[in-house]
């Protein structure tokens, strides 16, 4: 799907109770801006949708609802509220306001990582997906690693995803595993995939029926004791949980 037309908002433009700082990017349904709340100057992220480009207002409400459901996982920016605004030459636009995330997309991070660090990062990503699956939702749209951020808290954050449709939230667990995680692994490791990653991919590809527990089960069975990356990741997790 093509990206929507840019709003082209300049710094200082007012949208509701927010003042545009800069554009952060576009996706298939909206354009995201870094904004400052008026008058507090609190920095937030604002995602704009043209009224005539939304399939329906129910889709906007569904997006907001989805982000409320996955908030408890700790892997999505906190969603605050939605609103409506008119710009000079449109039929009105809707917006969602989120917590602004400081971090770097994994696509940029991996460039400077060693093989062991890449292993650690991959398992961080996989277990973040597990956390969301266990709440009975899927993610989508993270295979390029552009919509996945590593924050200062060493946490995986999905800043964009596929929430699904009204009354049909994204529950495509197979897509997350086969069409998102495996391509993400190829991007992270290139031609230097460790043996444990190859084993993981083979197990995923052999599965015919996926549930929200499938990825959990695969990862629990894929515990090579000689993999430094995974050992490092598990040690970090134990420290965080205790």
Protein backbone atom coordinates (compact mmCIF):
# COMPACT_ATOMS: atom_id res chain seq x y z
CA UNK A 1 0.00 0.00 0.00
CA UNK A 2 1.28 3.45 -0.89
CA UNK A 3 2.01 6.02 1.76
CA UNK A 4 -0.56 8.76 2.25
CA UNK A 5 0.04 12.27 0.95
CA UNK A 6 2.13 14.39 3.25
CA UNK A 7 0.42 17.16 5.19
CA UNK A 8 3.61 19.17 4.78
CA UNK A 9 3.16 20.93 8.12
CA UNK A 10 5.91 23.37 9.04
CA UNK A 11 7.41 23.88 12.48
CA UNK A 12 5.11 26.04 14.58
CA UNK A 13 1.87 24.92 12.89
CA UNK A 14 -0.96 24.45 15.40
CA UNK A 15 -2.95 21.21 15.51
CA UNK A 16 -5.42 21.23 18.37
CA UNK A 17 -3.54 21.92 21.58
CA UNK A 18 -0.22 21.04 19.97
CA UNK A 19 2.48 22.92 18.11
CA UNK A 20 4.44 21.07 15.42
CA UNK A 21 8.17 20.66 16.10
CA UNK A 22 9.04 18.47 13.10
CA UNK A 23 7.79 15.65 10.91
CA UNK A 24 8.92 12.17 11.98
CA UNK A 25 7.64 10.15 9.03
CA UNK A 26 4.71 8.72 7.10
CA UNK A 27 3.09 5.31 6.84
CA UNK A 28 0.12 3.88 4.96
CA UNK A 29 -2.56 5.62 6.99
CA UNK A 30 -1.10 8.65 8.74
CA UNK A 31 1.78 11.08 9.15
CA UNK A 32 3.59 11.40 12.48
CA UNK A 33 4.87 14.64 13.97
CA UNK A 34 6.89 15.52 17.03
CA UNK A 35 4.81 18.15 18.79
CA UNK A 36 4.87 20.33 21.90
CA UNK A 37 1.72 20.57 23.98
CA UNK A 38 0.38 24.09 24.49
CA UNK A 39 1.02 25.65 26.98
CA UNK A 40 3.00 23.01 28.94
CA UNK A 41 5.57 22.42 26.15
CA UNK A 42 5.47 18.68 26.96
CA UNK A 43 6.83 16.75 23.96
CA UNK A 44 4.50 14.18 22.42
CA UNK A 45 4.03 12.32 19.13
CA UNK A 46 0.96 13.16 17.05
CA UNK A 47 -0.30 10.96 14.23
CA UNK A 48 -2.47 12.77 11.65
CA UNK A 49 -5.16 11.19 9.46
CA UNK A 50 -7.07 12.95 6.68
CA UNK A 51 -10.80 12.46 7.10
CA UNK A 52 -11.23 11.61 3.40
CA UNK A 53 -8.34 9.11 3.47
CA UNK A 54 -9.57 7.14 6.48
CA UNK A 55 -11.77 4.16 5.51
CA UNK A 56 -14.11 5.32 8.30
CA UNK A 57 -14.01 7.07 11.66
CA UNK A 58 -14.57 3.64 13.20
CA UNK A 59 -11.08 2.77 11.97
CA UNK A 60 -9.62 5.66 13.94
CA UNK A 61 -11.51 4.59 17.06
CA UNK A 62 -10.27 1.04 16.49
CA UNK A 63 -6.66 2.24 16.25
CA UNK A 64 -7.06 4.04 19.56
CA UNK A 65 -8.70 0.99 21.14
CA UNK A 66 -5.94 -1.35 19.93
CA UNK A 67 -3.18 0.82 21.40
CA UNK A 68 -5.06 0.86 24.72
CA UNK A 69 -5.17 -2.95 24.72
CA UNK A 70 -1.44 -3.44 24.07
CA UNK A 71 -0.30 -0.66 26.41
CA UNK A 72 0.16 -3.11 29.31
CA UNK A 73 2.87 -5.00 27.39
CA UNK A 74 5.29 -2.07 27.72
CA UNK A 75 6.27 -2.39 24.06
CA UNK A 76 4.17 0.45 22.62
CA UNK A 77 4.18 4.19 23.22
CA UNK A 78 1.48 5.22 25.68
CA UNK A 79 -1.65 6.36 23.85
CA UNK A 80 -3.29 9.44 25.37
CA UNK A 81 -6.28 10.63 23.35
CA UNK A 82 -7.61 11.48 19.90
CA UNK A 83 -9.02 14.70 18.46
CA UNK A 84 -10.22 16.54 15.36
CA UNK A 85 -8.81 19.64 13.66
CA UNK A 86 -9.21 21.66 10.46
CA UNK A 87 -6.28 22.83 8.37
CA UNK A 88 -6.49 25.47 5.63
CA UNK A 89 -7.24 23.32 2.58
CA UNK A 90 -8.74 20.04 3.75
CA UNK A 91 -11.97 18.42 4.92
CA UNK A 92 -10.71 18.06 8.43
CA UNK A 93 -8.21 15.68 9.98
CA UNK A 94 -8.15 13.40 12.98
CA UNK A 95 -5.18 12.79 15.21
CA UNK A 96 -3.95 10.37 17.85
CA UNK A 97 -1.57 11.59 20.55
CA UNK A 98 1.14 9.30 21.94
CA UNK A 99 4.10 9.37 24.26
CA UNK A 100 7.18 10.53 22.36
CA UNK A 101 9.80 7.77 22.27
CA UNK A 102 13.49 8.58 22.38
CA UNK A 103 15.43 5.81 20.74
CA UNK A 104 16.89 4.45 17.53
CA UNK A 105 15.29 2.11 15.00
CA UNK A 106 16.80 -1.36 15.05
CA UNK A 107 17.68 -0.96 11.38
CA UNK A 108 20.21 1.70 12.41
CA UNK A 109 21.35 -0.02 15.60
CA UNK A 110 22.44 -3.29 13.99
CA UNK A 111 25.02 -1.59 11.77
CA UNK A 112 27.46 -1.23 14.67
CA UNK A 113 26.62 -4.46 16.53
CA UNK A 114 28.82 -7.54 16.90
CA UNK A 115 27.40 -10.99 16.15
CA UNK A 116 26.78 -11.70 19.83
CA UNK A 117 25.06 -8.34 20.27
CA UNK A 118 22.88 -9.08 17.25
CA UNK A 119 21.85 -12.40 18.78
CA UNK A 120 20.91 -10.63 21.99
CA UNK A 121 18.92 -8.04 20.04
CA UNK A 122 17.07 -10.67 18.03
CA UNK A 123 15.94 -12.51 21.15
CA UNK A 124 14.87 -9.23 22.70
CA UNK A 125 12.72 -8.63 19.64
CA UNK A 126 11.31 -12.18 19.62
CA UNK A 127 10.34 -12.06 23.29
CA UNK A 128 8.76 -8.62 22.83
CA UNK A 129 6.57 -10.23 20.17
CA UNK A 130 5.80 -13.02 22.64
CA UNK A 131 4.64 -10.49 25.24
CA UNK A 132 2.09 -9.09 22.78
CA UNK A 133 0.98 -12.48 21.47
CA UNK A 134 0.32 -13.68 25.00
CA UNK A 135 -2.19 -10.81 25.28
CA UNK A 136 -3.88 -12.26 22.16
CA UNK A 137 -2.86 -9.55 19.70
CA UNK A 138 -0.46 -9.54 16.74
CA UNK A 139 1.73 -6.67 15.52
CA UNK A 140 2.63 -6.71 11.82
CA UNK A 141 4.77 -4.25 9.86
CA UNK A 142 8.05 -4.67 11.73
CA UNK A 143 10.13 -6.84 9.38
CA UNK A 144 12.14 -3.87 8.03
CA UNK A 145 13.06 -2.88 11.62
CA UNK A 146 12.21 0.75 10.84
CA UNK A 147 9.16 0.75 13.15
CA UNK A 148 10.94 -0.97 16.05
CA UNK A 149 12.97 1.17 18.43
CA UNK A 150 15.54 0.35 21.09
CA UNK A 151 15.01 2.89 23.84
CA UNK A 152 17.36 4.19 26.51
CA UNK A 153 15.78 1.68 28.90
CA UNK A 154 17.12 -1.10 26.66
CA UNK A 155 13.55 -1.94 25.76
CA UNK A 156 11.93 -2.89 22.47
CA UNK A 157 9.21 -0.45 21.37
CA UNK A 158 6.94 -0.81 18.35
CA UNK A 159 6.15 2.71 17.19
CA UNK A 160 3.86 1.61 14.35
CA UNK A 161 2.02 -1.60 13.50
CA UNK A 162 -1.04 -3.10 11.84
CA UNK A 163 -3.92 -2.82 14.35
CA UNK A 164 -6.34 -4.69 12.08
CA UNK A 165 -9.90 -3.61 11.30
CA UNK A 166 -12.86 -2.55 13.46
CA UNK A 167 -14.23 -5.64 15.25
CA UNK A 168 -11.30 -7.64 13.81
CA UNK A 169 -8.08 -6.68 15.64
CA UNK A 170 -4.84 -8.06 14.26
CA UNK A 171 -4.49 -11.65 15.48
CA UNK A 172 -2.35 -12.95 12.61
CA UNK A 173 0.28 -14.70 14.72
CA UNK A 174 1.56 -16.66 11.74
CA UNK A 175 2.35 -13.46 9.85
CA UNK A 176 4.31 -12.10 12.82
CA UNK A 177 6.40 -15.26 12.98
CA UNK A 178 6.89 -16.16 9.32
CA UNK A 179 6.61 -12.86 7.48
CA UNK A 180 7.96 -10.46 10.10
CA UNK A 181 10.38 -12.18 12.51
CA UNK A 182 12.16 -14.37 9.95
CA UNK A 183 12.77 -11.48 7.48
CA UNK A 184 13.89 -9.40 10.48
CA UNK A 185 16.45 -12.11 11.29
CA UNK A 186 17.70 -12.07 7.69
CA UNK A 187 18.13 -8.31 7.94
CA UNK A 188 19.93 -8.50 11.28
CA UNK A 189 22.36 -11.29 10.40
CA UNK A 190 22.62 -11.23 6.62
CA UNK A 191 24.54 -14.30 5.47
CA UNK A 192 26.06 -14.88 8.93
CA UNK A 193 23.09 -16.42 10.73
CA UNK A 194 24.11 -18.36 13.89
CA UNK A 195 23.03 -21.96 14.11
CA UNK A 196 20.42 -21.21 16.79
CA UNK A 197 18.72 -18.69 14.48
CA UNK A 198 18.62 -21.24 11.65
CA UNK A 199 17.07 -23.78 14.02
CA UNK A 200 14.50 -21.20 15.13
CA UNK A 201 13.58 -20.39 11.52
CA UNK A 202 13.25 -24.07 10.58
CA UNK A 203 10.92 -24.70 13.52
CA UNK A 204 8.76 -21.72 12.63
CA UNK A 205 8.55 -22.74 8.95
CA UNK A 206 7.54 -26.27 9.92
CA UNK A 207 4.49 -25.15 11.90
CA UNK A 208 1.15 -25.35 10.12
CA UNK A 209 -1.22 -23.89 12.69
CA UNK A 210 -0.40 -20.86 14.85
CA UNK A 211 -1.95 -19.67 18.11
CA UNK A 212 -0.97 -16.84 20.43
CA UNK A 213 1.21 -19.36 22.36
CA UNK A 214 3.10 -20.81 19.37
CA UNK A 215 6.07 -18.42 19.46
CA UNK A 216 6.41 -18.90 23.22
CA UNK A 217 6.61 -22.66 22.77
CA UNK A 218 9.18 -22.43 19.97
CA UNK A 219 11.45 -20.12 21.97
CA UNK A 220 11.21 -22.25 25.09
CA UNK A 221 12.37 -25.29 23.11
CA UNK A 222 15.11 -23.35 21.33
CA UNK A 223 17.53 -22.85 24.22
CA UNK A 224 21.07 -23.64 23.02
CA UNK A 225 23.39 -23.36 26.03
CA UNK A 226 26.38 -22.49 23.82
CA UNK A 227 24.82 -19.37 22.30
CA UNK A 228 26.47 -16.36 23.92
CA UNK A 229 23.92 -13.92 22.56
CA UNK A 230 20.96 -15.74 24.01
CA UNK A 231 22.79 -16.39 27.30
CA UNK A 232 23.51 -12.66 27.59
CA UNK A 233 19.90 -11.82 26.86
CA UNK A 234 18.57 -14.29 29.43
CA UNK A 235 20.95 -12.94 32.07
CA UNK A 236 19.68 -9.41 31.41
CA UNK A 237 16.09 -10.59 31.72
CA UNK A 238 16.72 -12.29 35.05
CA UNK A 239 18.26 -9.10 36.42
CA UNK A 240 15.26 -7.06 35.27
CA UNK A 241 12.74 -9.48 36.79
CA UNK A 242 14.41 -9.62 40.18
